[in-house]
Amino acid sequence: MPISSPAAPGMTKVPASYFESDGELSIAIGFNDLYDLFNKDSLDVGLLRCWTLRMKQQAKEMHNNVGFLDPQVFSATMLQFQTKEVTQAIIKAMKHDFVAGAYNTGGHWILVTLL
């Protein structure tokens, strides 16, 4: 399927260490995700992951010791069904002065900051 197709995602891989995890993360952003964003319909986790990575880079440039949680891991669904994985991610991120994470309550994203 060509990349110009609405269903074809843009795909990138980043080290999971960016979110205090092991391995490699794949971030997919489809045309439909961008369409929804521009029409103020919804915000896909792939786009939020990209924004979080940008905030991590900006915090580093400003010499702020901030840990960021992966928005795909830090969600109401994950807390309900995979509590251990979410708890481990938070514990790993607590080595920083502050921890920030986008949390999806199920229908809305909010920013959570841990001091």
PDB file of N, CA and C in Angstrom:
ATOM      1  N   MET A   1       0.852  -1.180   0.000  1.00  0.00           N
ATOM      2  CA  MET A   1       0.000   0.000   0.000  1.00  0.00           C
ATOM      3  C   MET A   1       0.895   1.240   0.000  1.00  0.00           C
ATOM      4  N   PRO A   2       0.684   2.201  -0.862  1.00  0.00           N
ATOM      5  CA  PRO A   2       1.523   3.392  -0.917  1.00  0.00           C
ATOM      6  C   PRO A   2       1.321   4.283   0.308  1.00  0.00           C
ATOM      7  N   ILE A   3       2.342   5.041   0.662  1.00  0.00           N
ATOM      8  CA  ILE A   3       2.298   5.891   1.840  1.00  0.00           C
ATOM      9  C   ILE A   3       1.238   6.982   1.746  1.00  0.00           C
ATOM     10  N   SER A   4       0.834   7.350   0.535  1.00  0.00           N
ATOM     11  CA  SER A   4      -0.166   8.400   0.384  1.00  0.00           C
ATOM     12  C   SER A   4      -1.580   7.906   0.712  1.00  0.00           C
ATOM     13  N   SER A   5      -1.748   6.601   0.838  1.00  0.00           N
ATOM     14  CA  SER A   5      -3.052   6.051   1.168  1.00  0.00           C
ATOM     15  C   SER A   5      -3.454   6.478   2.578  1.00  0.00           C
ATOM     16  N   PRO A   6      -4.716   6.857   2.804  1.00  0.00           N
ATOM     17  CA  PRO A   6      -5.160   7.299   4.117  1.00  0.00           C
ATOM     18  C   PRO A   6      -4.915   6.284   5.227  1.00  0.00           C
ATOM     19  N   ALA A   7      -4.898   4.996   4.914  1.00  0.00           N
ATOM     20  CA  ALA A   7      -4.717   3.988   5.953  1.00  0.00           C
ATOM     21  C   ALA A   7      -3.251   3.654   6.203  1.00  0.00           C
ATOM     22  N   ALA A   8      -2.342   4.096   5.339  1.00  0.00           N
ATOM     23  CA  ALA A   8      -0.930   3.739   5.483  1.00  0.00           C
ATOM     24  C   ALA A   8      -0.272   4.600   6.554  1.00  0.00           C
ATOM     25  N   PRO A   9       0.301   3.982   7.571  1.00  0.00           N
ATOM     26  CA  PRO A   9       0.911   4.764   8.646  1.00  0.00           C
ATOM     27  C   PRO A   9       2.334   5.200   8.313  1.00  0.00           C
ATOM     28  N   GLY A  10       2.747   6.307   8.928  1.00  0.00           N
ATOM     29  CA  GLY A  10       4.144   6.664   8.959  1.00  0.00           C
ATOM     30  C   GLY A  10       4.722   5.938  10.161  1.00  0.00           C
ATOM     31  N   MET A  11       5.824   5.248   9.996  1.00  0.00           N
ATOM     32  CA  MET A  11       6.354   4.409  11.068  1.00  0.00           C
ATOM     33  C   MET A  11       7.770   4.836  11.397  1.00  0.00           C
ATOM     34  N   THR A  12       8.070   4.894  12.674  1.00  0.00           N
ATOM     35  CA  THR A  12       9.427   5.159  13.117  1.00  0.00           C
ATOM     36  C   THR A  12       9.720   4.305  14.330  1.00  0.00           C
ATOM     37  N   LYS A  13      10.985   4.063  14.583  1.00  0.00           N
ATOM     38  CA  LYS A  13      11.399   3.295  15.757  1.00  0.00           C
ATOM     39  C   LYS A  13      12.370   4.143  16.562  1.00  0.00           C
ATOM     40  N   VAL A  14      12.212   4.089  17.876  1.00  0.00           N
ATOM     41  CA  VAL A  14      13.084   4.819  18.781  1.00  0.00           C
ATOM     42  C   VAL A  14      13.504   3.883  19.901  1.00  0.00           C
ATOM     43  N   PRO A  15      14.653   4.168  20.539  1.00  0.00           N
ATOM     44  CA  PRO A  15      15.045   3.334  21.676  1.00  0.00           C
ATOM     45  C   PRO A  15      14.014   3.447  22.808  1.00  0.00           C
ATOM     46  N   ALA A  16      13.653   2.330  23.393  1.00  0.00           N
ATOM     47  CA  ALA A  16      12.683   2.332  24.496  1.00  0.00           C
ATOM     48  C   ALA A  16      13.250   3.032  25.722  1.00  0.00           C
ATOM     49  N   SER A  17      14.551   3.195  25.771  1.00  0.00           N
ATOM     50  CA  SER A  17      15.177   3.880  26.913  1.00  0.00           C
ATOM     51  C   SER A  17      14.696   5.321  27.025  1.00  0.00           C
ATOM     52  N   TYR A  18      14.180   5.891  25.940  1.00  0.00           N
ATOM     53  CA  TYR A  18      13.614   7.239  26.003  1.00  0.00           C
ATOM     54  C   TYR A  18      12.463   7.300  27.001  1.00  0.00           C
ATOM     55  N   PHE A  19      11.783   6.162  27.190  1.00  0.00           N
ATOM     56  CA  PHE A  19      10.685   6.080  28.152  1.00  0.00           C
ATOM     57  C   PHE A  19      11.052   5.156  29.313  1.00  0.00           C
ATOM     58  N   GLU A  20      12.345   5.082  29.631  1.00  0.00           N
ATOM     59  CA  GLU A  20      12.827   4.287  30.761  1.00  0.00           C
ATOM     60  C   GLU A  20      12.456   2.811  30.636  1.00  0.00           C
ATOM     61  N   SER A  21      12.437   2.255  29.419  1.00  0.00           N
ATOM     62  CA  SER A  21      12.140   0.842  29.199  1.00  0.00           C
ATOM     63  C   SER A  21      13.282   0.196  28.441  1.00  0.00           C
ATOM     64  N   ASP A  22      13.107  -1.084  28.159  1.00  0.00           N
ATOM     65  CA  ASP A  22      14.120  -1.832  27.414  1.00  0.00           C
ATOM     66  C   ASP A  22      13.624  -2.090  25.992  1.00  0.00           C
ATOM     67  N   GLY A  23      14.581  -2.324  25.085  1.00  0.00           N
ATOM     68  CA  GLY A  23      14.225  -2.689  23.721  1.00  0.00           C
ATOM     69  C   GLY A  23      14.036  -1.499  22.807  1.00  0.00           C
ATOM     70  N   GLU A  24      13.084  -1.653  21.889  1.00  0.00           N
ATOM     71  CA  GLU A  24      12.835  -0.636  20.882  1.00  0.00           C
ATOM     72  C   GLU A  24      11.328  -0.404  20.776  1.00  0.00           C
ATOM     73  N   LEU A  25      10.938   0.840  20.584  1.00  0.00           N
ATOM     74  CA  LEU A  25       9.522   1.194  20.435  1.00  0.00           C
ATOM     75  C   LEU A  25       9.227   1.543  18.989  1.00  0.00           C
ATOM     76  N   SER A  26       8.088   1.115  18.509  1.00  0.00           N
ATOM     77  CA  SER A  26       7.615   1.522  17.189  1.00  0.00           C
ATOM     78  C   SER A  26       6.504   2.536  17.379  1.00  0.00           C
ATOM     79  N   ILE A  27       6.604   3.629  16.660  1.00  0.00           N
ATOM     80  CA  ILE A  27       5.574   4.661  16.710  1.00  0.00           C
ATOM     81  C   ILE A  27       4.980   4.780  15.317  1.00  0.00           C
ATOM     82  N   ALA A  28       3.680   4.548  15.236  1.00  0.00           N
ATOM     83  CA  ALA A  28       2.988   4.622  13.944  1.00  0.00           C
ATOM     84  C   ALA A  28       2.019   5.793  13.957  1.00  0.00           C
ATOM     85  N   ILE A  29       2.060   6.579  12.894  1.00  0.00           N
ATOM     86  CA  ILE A  29       1.131   7.696  12.742  1.00  0.00           C
ATOM     87  C   ILE A  29       0.510   7.590  11.360  1.00  0.00           C
ATOM     88  N   GLY A  30      -0.791   7.384  11.343  1.00  0.00           N
ATOM     89  CA  GLY A  30      -1.510   7.255  10.082  1.00  0.00           C
ATOM     90  C   GLY A  30      -2.099   8.576   9.627  1.00  0.00           C
ATOM     91  N   PHE A  31      -2.438   8.644   8.372  1.00  0.00           N
ATOM     92  CA  PHE A  31      -3.080   9.835   7.829  1.00  0.00           C
ATOM     93  C   PHE A  31      -4.364  10.158   8.601  1.00  0.00           C
ATOM     94  N   ASN A  32      -5.101   9.105   8.962  1.00  0.00           N
ATOM     95  CA  ASN A  32      -6.348   9.314   9.694  1.00  0.00           C
ATOM     96  C   ASN A  32      -6.094   9.942  11.069  1.00  0.00           C
ATOM     97  N   ASP A  33      -4.944   9.653  11.689  1.00  0.00           N
ATOM     98  CA  ASP A  33      -4.601  10.266  12.973  1.00  0.00           C
ATOM     99  C   ASP A  33      -4.385  11.769  12.810  1.00  0.00           C
ATOM    100  N   LEU A  34      -3.691  12.154  11.742  1.00  0.00           N
ATOM    101  CA  LEU A  34      -3.472  13.576  11.468  1.00  0.00           C
ATOM    102  C   LEU A  34      -4.784  14.271  11.112  1.00  0.00           C
ATOM    103  N   TYR A  35      -5.614  13.584  10.346  1.00  0.00           N
ATOM    104  CA  TYR A  35      -6.920  14.140   9.980  1.00  0.00           C
ATOM    105  C   TYR A  35      -7.747  14.431  11.243  1.00  0.00           C
ATOM    106  N   ASP A  36      -7.774  13.451  12.161  1.00  0.00           N
ATOM    107  CA  ASP A  36      -8.526  13.623  13.412  1.00  0.00           C
ATOM    108  C   ASP A  36      -7.968  14.772  14.239  1.00  0.00           C
ATOM    109  N   LEU A  37      -6.637  14.899  14.289  1.00  0.00           N
ATOM    110  CA  LEU A  37      -6.015  15.983  15.044  1.00  0.00           C
ATOM    111  C   LEU A  37      -6.391  17.338  14.465  1.00  0.00           C
ATOM    112  N   PHE A  38      -6.255  17.495  13.161  1.00  0.00           N
ATOM    113  CA  PHE A  38      -6.549  18.778  12.519  1.00  0.00           C
ATOM    114  C   PHE A  38      -8.030  19.155  12.607  1.00  0.00           C
ATOM    115  N   ASN A  39      -8.892  18.162  12.713  1.00  0.00           N
ATOM    116  CA  ASN A  39     -10.321  18.421  12.834  1.00  0.00           C
ATOM    117  C   ASN A  39     -10.794  18.399  14.292  1.00  0.00           C
ATOM    118  N   LYS A  40      -9.841  18.418  15.219  1.00  0.00           N
ATOM    119  CA  LYS A  40     -10.125  18.444  16.665  1.00  0.00           C
ATOM    120  C   LYS A  40     -11.069  17.323  17.077  1.00  0.00           C
ATOM    121  N   ASP A  41     -10.862  16.152  16.483  1.00  0.00           N
ATOM    122  CA  ASP A  41     -11.711  15.009  16.780  1.00  0.00           C
ATOM    123  C   ASP A  41     -11.093  14.127  17.856  1.00  0.00           C
ATOM    124  N   SER A  42      -9.809  13.794  17.710  1.00  0.00           N
ATOM    125  CA  SER A  42      -9.150  12.941  18.697  1.00  0.00           C
ATOM    126  C   SER A  42      -7.635  13.101  18.580  1.00  0.00           C
ATOM    127  N   LEU A  43      -6.945  12.626  19.610  1.00  0.00           N
ATOM    128  CA  LEU A  43      -5.488  12.687  19.648  1.00  0.00           C
ATOM    129  C   LEU A  43      -4.963  11.276  19.817  1.00  0.00           C
ATOM    130  N   ASP A  44      -4.314  10.751  18.799  1.00  0.00           N
ATOM    131  CA  ASP A  44      -3.802   9.393  18.802  1.00  0.00           C
ATOM    132  C   ASP A  44      -2.567   9.285  19.690  1.00  0.00           C
ATOM    133  N   VAL A  45      -2.373   8.125  20.280  1.00  0.00           N
ATOM    134  CA  VAL A  45      -1.236   7.898  21.172  1.00  0.00           C
ATOM    135  C   VAL A  45       0.101   8.034  20.425  1.00  0.00           C
ATOM    136  N   GLY A  46       0.144   7.717  19.151  1.00  0.00           N
ATOM    137  CA  GLY A  46       1.378   7.867  18.375  1.00  0.00           C
ATOM    138  C   GLY A  46       1.823   9.323  18.303  1.00  0.00           C
ATOM    139  N   LEU A  47       0.867  10.215  18.070  1.00  0.00           N
ATOM    140  CA  LEU A  47       1.176  11.644  18.048  1.00  0.00           C
ATOM    141  C   LEU A  47       1.603  12.129  19.429  1.00  0.00           C
ATOM    142  N   LEU A  48       0.945  11.634  20.452  1.00  0.00           N
ATOM    143  CA  LEU A  48       1.290  12.028  21.815  1.00  0.00           C
ATOM    144  C   LEU A  48       2.672  11.507  22.210  1.00  0.00           C
ATOM    145  N   ARG A  49       3.023  10.329  21.721  1.00  0.00           N
ATOM    146  CA  ARG A  49       4.376   9.811  21.964  1.00  0.00           C
ATOM    147  C   ARG A  49       5.420  10.733  21.315  1.00  0.00           C
ATOM    148  N   CYS A  50       5.151  11.188  20.108  1.00  0.00           N
ATOM    149  CA  CYS A  50       6.080  12.111  19.434  1.00  0.00           C
ATOM    150  C   CYS A  50       6.205  13.418  20.214  1.00  0.00           C
ATOM    151  N   TRP A  51       5.088  13.950  20.681  1.00  0.00           N
ATOM    152  CA  TRP A  51       5.104  15.180  21.468  1.00  0.00           C
ATOM    153  C   TRP A  51       5.896  14.973  22.757  1.00  0.00           C
ATOM    154  N   THR A  52       5.710  13.824  23.407  1.00  0.00           N
ATOM    155  CA  THR A  52       6.426  13.517  24.645  1.00  0.00           C
ATOM    156  C   THR A  52       7.924  13.441  24.393  1.00  0.00           C
ATOM    157  N   LEU A  53       8.318  12.833  23.284  1.00  0.00           N
ATOM    158  CA  LEU A  53       9.744  12.773  22.952  1.00  0.00           C
ATOM    159  C   LEU A  53      10.312  14.171  22.722  1.00  0.00           C
ATOM    160  N   ARG A  54       9.532  15.047  22.111  1.00  0.00           N
ATOM    161  CA  ARG A  54       9.975  16.433  21.909  1.00  0.00           C
ATOM    162  C   ARG A  54      10.129  17.158  23.246  1.00  0.00           C
ATOM    163  N   MET A  55       9.205  16.938  24.163  1.00  0.00           N
ATOM    164  CA  MET A  55       9.294  17.553  25.494  1.00  0.00           C
ATOM    165  C   MET A  55      10.510  17.026  26.260  1.00  0.00           C
ATOM    166  N   LYS A  56      10.810  15.748  26.065  1.00  0.00           N
ATOM    167  CA  LYS A  56      12.004  15.155  26.694  1.00  0.00           C
ATOM    168  C   LYS A  56      13.259  15.839  26.168  1.00  0.00           C
ATOM    169  N   GLN A  57      13.318  16.063  24.850  1.00  0.00           N
ATOM    170  CA  GLN A  57      14.461  16.729  24.240  1.00  0.00           C
ATOM    171  C   GLN A  57      14.571  18.168  24.747  1.00  0.00           C
ATOM    172  N   GLN A  58      13.456  18.858  24.841  1.00  0.00           N
ATOM    173  CA  GLN A  58      13.462  20.240  25.305  1.00  0.00           C
ATOM    174  C   GLN A  58      13.893  20.321  26.772  1.00  0.00           C
ATOM    175  N   ALA A  59      13.450  19.409  27.609  1.00  0.00           N
ATOM    176  CA  ALA A  59      13.852  19.387  29.015  1.00  0.00           C
ATOM    177  C   ALA A  59      15.362  19.172  29.137  1.00  0.00           C
ATOM    178  N   LYS A  60      15.897  18.295  28.297  1.00  0.00           N
ATOM    179  CA  LYS A  60      17.337  18.048  28.309  1.00  0.00           C
ATOM    180  C   LYS A  60      18.108  19.299  27.899  1.00  0.00           C
ATOM    181  N   GLU A  61      17.632  19.986  26.852  1.00  0.00           N
ATOM    182  CA  GLU A  61      18.282  21.223  26.397  1.00  0.00           C
ATOM    183  C   GLU A  61      18.264  22.306  27.476  1.00  0.00           C
ATOM    184  N   MET A  62      17.220  22.295  28.303  1.00  0.00           N
ATOM    185  CA  MET A  62      17.092  23.284  29.366  1.00  0.00           C
ATOM    186  C   MET A  62      17.744  22.823  30.676  1.00  0.00           C
ATOM    187  N   HIS A  63      18.400  21.657  30.630  1.00  0.00           N
ATOM    188  CA  HIS A  63      19.084  21.073  31.785  1.00  0.00           C
ATOM    189  C   HIS A  63      18.127  20.807  32.947  1.00  0.00           C
ATOM    190  N   ASN A  64      16.904  20.371  32.618  1.00  0.00           N
ATOM    191  CA  ASN A  64      15.922  19.972  33.625  1.00  0.00           C
ATOM    192  C   ASN A  64      15.926  18.455  33.719  1.00  0.00           C
ATOM    193  N   ASN A  65      15.963  17.935  34.936  1.00  0.00           N
ATOM    194  CA  ASN A  65      16.005  16.493  35.163  1.00  0.00           C
ATOM    195  C   ASN A  65      14.571  15.960  35.277  1.00  0.00           C
ATOM    196  N   VAL A  66      13.939  15.771  34.124  1.00  0.00           N
ATOM    197  CA  VAL A  66      12.544  15.329  34.069  1.00  0.00           C
ATOM    198  C   VAL A  66      12.478  13.975  33.387  1.00  0.00           C
ATOM    199  N   GLY A  67      11.747  13.043  33.995  1.00  0.00           N
ATOM    200  CA  GLY A  67      11.475  11.755  33.372  1.00  0.00           C
ATOM    201  C   GLY A  67      10.091  11.796  32.752  1.00  0.00           C
ATOM    202  N   PHE A  68       9.933  11.158  31.621  1.00  0.00           N
ATOM    203  CA  PHE A  68       8.647  11.148  30.942  1.00  0.00           C
ATOM    204  C   PHE A  68       8.138   9.720  30.811  1.00  0.00           C
ATOM    205  N   LEU A  69       6.866   9.528  31.099  1.00  0.00           N
ATOM    206  CA  LEU A  69       6.239   8.217  30.974  1.00  0.00           C
ATOM    207  C   LEU A  69       5.666   8.039  29.571  1.00  0.00           C
ATOM    208  N   ASP A  70       5.760   6.829  29.077  1.00  0.00           N
ATOM    209  CA  ASP A  70       5.210   6.490  27.767  1.00  0.00           C
ATOM    210  C   ASP A  70       3.686   6.564  27.835  1.00  0.00           C
ATOM    211  N   PRO A  71       3.055   7.413  27.029  1.00  0.00           N
ATOM    212  CA  PRO A  71       1.596   7.532  27.096  1.00  0.00           C
ATOM    213  C   PRO A  71       0.852   6.242  26.758  1.00  0.00           C
ATOM    214  N   GLN A  72       1.501   5.346  26.043  1.00  0.00           N
ATOM    215  CA  GLN A  72       0.840   4.079  25.737  1.00  0.00           C
ATOM    216  C   GLN A  72       0.799   3.173  26.962  1.00  0.00           C
ATOM    217  N   VAL A  73       1.768   3.313  27.839  1.00  0.00           N
ATOM    218  CA  VAL A  73       1.825   2.497  29.060  1.00  0.00           C
ATOM    219  C   VAL A  73       1.003   3.126  30.178  1.00  0.00           C
ATOM    220  N   PHE A  74       0.997   4.446  30.246  1.00  0.00           N
ATOM    221  CA  PHE A  74       0.365   5.174  31.343  1.00  0.00           C
ATOM    222  C   PHE A  74      -1.063   5.561  30.960  1.00  0.00           C
ATOM    223  N   SER A  75      -1.984   4.593  31.030  1.00  0.00           N
ATOM    224  CA  SER A  75      -3.377   4.840  30.654  1.00  0.00           C
ATOM    225  C   SER A  75      -4.303   4.102  31.618  1.00  0.00           C
ATOM    226  N   ALA A  76      -5.567   4.485  31.620  1.00  0.00           N
ATOM    227  CA  ALA A  76      -6.541   3.837  32.501  1.00  0.00           C
ATOM    228  C   ALA A  76      -6.651   2.349  32.206  1.00  0.00           C
ATOM    229  N   THR A  77      -6.627   1.986  30.942  1.00  0.00           N
ATOM    230  CA  THR A  77      -6.726   0.574  30.561  1.00  0.00           C
ATOM    231  C   THR A  77      -5.529  -0.213  31.080  1.00  0.00           C
ATOM    232  N   MET A  78      -4.333   0.333  30.886  1.00  0.00           N
ATOM    233  CA  MET A  78      -3.130  -0.348  31.365  1.00  0.00           C
ATOM    234  C   MET A  78      -3.120  -0.448  32.889  1.00  0.00           C
ATOM    235  N   LEU A  79      -3.546   0.609  33.569  1.00  0.00           N
ATOM    236  CA  LEU A  79      -3.605   0.560  35.033  1.00  0.00           C
ATOM    237  C   LEU A  79      -4.567  -0.518  35.512  1.00  0.00           C
ATOM    238  N   GLN A  80      -5.647  -0.708  34.797  1.00  0.00           N
ATOM    239  CA  GLN A  80      -6.641  -1.695  35.194  1.00  0.00           C
ATOM    240  C   GLN A  80      -6.164  -3.120  34.936  1.00  0.00           C
ATOM    241  N   PHE A  81      -5.523  -3.359  33.793  1.00  0.00           N
ATOM    242  CA  PHE A  81      -5.205  -4.730  33.407  1.00  0.00           C
ATOM    243  C   PHE A  81      -3.728  -5.108  33.534  1.00  0.00           C
ATOM    244  N   GLN A  82      -2.831  -4.123  33.568  1.00  0.00           N
ATOM    245  CA  GLN A  82      -1.403  -4.422  33.670  1.00  0.00           C
ATOM    246  C   GLN A  82      -0.752  -3.485  34.686  1.00  0.00           C
ATOM    247  N   THR A  83      -1.263  -3.520  35.891  1.00  0.00           N
ATOM    248  CA  THR A  83      -0.819  -2.629  36.961  1.00  0.00           C
ATOM    249  C   THR A  83       0.674  -2.764  37.232  1.00  0.00           C
ATOM    250  N   LYS A  84       1.187  -3.969  37.206  1.00  0.00           N
ATOM    251  CA  LYS A  84       2.605  -4.203  37.508  1.00  0.00           C
ATOM    252  C   LYS A  84       3.514  -3.477  36.512  1.00  0.00           C
ATOM    253  N   GLU A  85       3.198  -3.534  35.221  1.00  0.00           N
ATOM    254  CA  GLU A  85       4.012  -2.881  34.202  1.00  0.00           C
ATOM    255  C   GLU A  85       3.990  -1.359  34.372  1.00  0.00           C
ATOM    256  N   VAL A  86       2.825  -0.807  34.684  1.00  0.00           N
ATOM    257  CA  VAL A  86       2.715   0.646  34.887  1.00  0.00           C
ATOM    258  C   VAL A  86       3.511   1.060  36.125  1.00  0.00           C
ATOM    259  N   THR A  87       3.382   0.295  37.199  1.00  0.00           N
ATOM    260  CA  THR A  87       4.115   0.591  38.433  1.00  0.00           C
ATOM    261  C   THR A  87       5.617   0.551  38.193  1.00  0.00           C
ATOM    262  N   GLN A  88       6.098  -0.444  37.451  1.00  0.00           N
ATOM    263  CA  GLN A  88       7.530  -0.544  37.149  1.00  0.00           C
ATOM    264  C   GLN A  88       7.997   0.652  36.323  1.00  0.00           C
ATOM    265  N   ALA A  89       7.196   1.098  35.367  1.00  0.00           N
ATOM    266  CA  ALA A  89       7.560   2.258  34.544  1.00  0.00           C
ATOM    267  C   ALA A  89       7.673   3.512  35.403  1.00  0.00           C
ATOM    268  N   ILE A  90       6.760   3.675  36.340  1.00  0.00           N
ATOM    269  CA  ILE A  90       6.801   4.847  37.230  1.00  0.00           C
ATOM    270  C   ILE A  90       8.019   4.781  38.138  1.00  0.00           C
ATOM    271  N   ILE A  91       8.301   3.623  38.692  1.00  0.00           N
ATOM    272  CA  ILE A  91       9.470   3.461  39.575  1.00  0.00           C
ATOM    273  C   ILE A  91      10.759   3.781  38.826  1.00  0.00           C
ATOM    274  N   LYS A  92      10.890   3.303  37.596  1.00  0.00           N
ATOM    275  CA  LYS A  92      12.092   3.592  36.799  1.00  0.00           C
ATOM    276  C   LYS A  92      12.239   5.080  36.528  1.00  0.00           C
ATOM    277  N   ALA A  93      11.119   5.756  36.286  1.00  0.00           N
ATOM    278  CA  ALA A  93      11.156   7.187  35.969  1.00  0.00           C
ATOM    279  C   ALA A  93      11.418   8.042  37.202  1.00  0.00           C
ATOM    280  N   MET A  94      11.212   7.503  38.401  1.00  0.00           N
ATOM    281  CA  MET A  94      11.351   8.284  39.634  1.00  0.00           C
ATOM    282  C   MET A  94      12.803   8.638  39.961  1.00  0.00           C
ATOM    283  N   LYS A  95      13.760   8.183  39.157  1.00  0.00           N
ATOM    284  CA  LYS A  95      15.160   8.570  39.389  1.00  0.00           C
ATOM    285  C   LYS A  95      15.398  10.041  39.004  1.00  0.00           C
ATOM    286  N   HIS A  96      14.426  10.657  38.376  1.00  0.00           N
ATOM    287  CA  HIS A  96      14.498  12.058  37.983  1.00  0.00           C
ATOM    288  C   HIS A  96      13.900  12.939  39.077  1.00  0.00           C
ATOM    289  N   ASP A  97      14.168  14.244  38.998  1.00  0.00           N
ATOM    290  CA  ASP A  97      13.598  15.188  39.970  1.00  0.00           C
ATOM    291  C   ASP A  97      12.084  15.281  39.830  1.00  0.00           C
ATOM    292  N   PHE A  98      11.592  15.203  38.606  1.00  0.00           N
ATOM    293  CA  PHE A  98      10.163  15.269  38.302  1.00  0.00           C
ATOM    294  C   PHE A  98       9.839  14.174  37.297  1.00  0.00           C
ATOM    295  N   VAL A  99       8.596  13.741  37.298  1.00  0.00           N
ATOM    296  CA  VAL A  99       8.124  12.779  36.301  1.00  0.00           C
ATOM    297  C   VAL A  99       6.825  13.331  35.719  1.00  0.00           C
ATOM    298  N   ALA A 100       6.735  13.341  34.408  1.00  0.00           N
ATOM    299  CA  ALA A 100       5.526  13.820  33.734  1.00  0.00           C
ATOM    300  C   ALA A 100       5.015  12.721  32.809  1.00  0.00           C
ATOM    301  N   GLY A 101       3.712  12.646  32.716  1.00  0.00           N
ATOM    302  CA  GLY A 101       3.124  11.657  31.832  1.00  0.00           C
ATOM    303  C   GLY A 101       1.749  12.068  31.379  1.00  0.00           C
ATOM    304  N   ALA A 102       1.464  11.820  30.122  1.00  0.00           N
ATOM    305  CA  ALA A 102       0.123  12.042  29.591  1.00  0.00           C
ATOM    306  C   ALA A 102      -0.695  10.812  29.953  1.00  0.00           C
ATOM    307  N   TYR A 103      -1.796  11.024  30.635  1.00  0.00           N
ATOM    308  CA  TYR A 103      -2.638   9.929  31.126  1.00  0.00           C
ATOM    309  C   TYR A 103      -3.998   9.983  30.436  1.00  0.00           C
ATOM    310  N   ASN A 104      -4.387   8.862  29.852  1.00  0.00           N
ATOM    311  CA  ASN A 104      -5.677   8.789  29.172  1.00  0.00           C
ATOM    312  C   ASN A 104      -6.696   8.173  30.112  1.00  0.00           C
ATOM    313  N   THR A 105      -7.688   8.961  30.478  1.00  0.00           N
ATOM    314  CA  THR A 105      -8.727   8.501  31.401  1.00  0.00           C
ATOM    315  C   THR A 105      -9.746   7.604  30.715  1.00  0.00           C
ATOM    316  N   GLY A 106      -9.625   7.453  29.436  1.00  0.00           N
ATOM    317  CA  GLY A 106     -10.567   6.651  28.657  1.00  0.00           C
ATOM    318  C   GLY A 106     -11.204   7.465  27.555  1.00  0.00           C
ATOM    319  N   GLY A 107     -11.294   8.765  27.730  1.00  0.00           N
ATOM    320  CA  GLY A 107     -11.879   9.608  26.699  1.00  0.00           C
ATOM    321  C   GLY A 107     -11.219  10.968  26.626  1.00  0.00           C
ATOM    322  N   HIS A 108     -10.208  11.170  27.478  1.00  0.00           N
ATOM    323  CA  HIS A 108      -9.583  12.487  27.557  1.00  0.00           C
ATOM    324  C   HIS A 108      -8.153  12.329  28.072  1.00  0.00           C
ATOM    325  N   TRP A 109      -7.222  13.111  27.527  1.00  0.00           N
ATOM    326  CA  TRP A 109      -5.831  13.097  27.981  1.00  0.00           C
ATOM    327  C   TRP A 109      -5.633  14.203  29.020  1.00  0.00           C
ATOM    328  N   ILE A 110      -4.909  13.880  30.088  1.00  0.00           N
ATOM    329  CA  ILE A 110      -4.523  14.881  31.075  1.00  0.00           C
ATOM    330  C   ILE A 110      -3.035  14.715  31.357  1.00  0.00           C
ATOM    331  N   LEU A 111      -2.393  15.767  31.844  1.00  0.00           N
ATOM    332  CA  LEU A 111      -0.978  15.701  32.207  1.00  0.00           C
ATOM    333  C   LEU A 111      -0.875  15.434  33.697  1.00  0.00           C
ATOM    334  N   VAL A 112      -0.115  14.402  34.054  1.00  0.00           N
ATOM    335  CA  VAL A 112       0.139  14.061  35.446  1.00  0.00           C
ATOM    336  C   VAL A 112       1.606  14.364  35.725  1.00  0.00           C
ATOM    337  N   THR A 113       1.871  15.090  36.814  1.00  0.00           N
ATOM    338  CA  THR A 113       3.240  15.393  37.209  1.00  0.00           C
ATOM    339  C   THR A 113       3.474  14.844  38.613  1.00  0.00           C
ATOM    340  N   LEU A 114       4.545  14.074  38.761  1.00  0.00           N
ATOM    341  CA  LEU A 114       4.927  13.516  40.054  1.00  0.00           C
ATOM    342  C   LEU A 114       6.179  14.221  40.539  1.00  0.00           C
ATOM    343  N   LEU A 115       6.168  14.651  41.780  1.00  0.00           N
ATOM    344  CA  LEU A 115       7.320  15.339  42.350  1.00  0.00           C
ATOM    345  C   LEU A 115       8.035  14.441  43.318  1.00  0.00           C
TER     346      LEU A 115
END
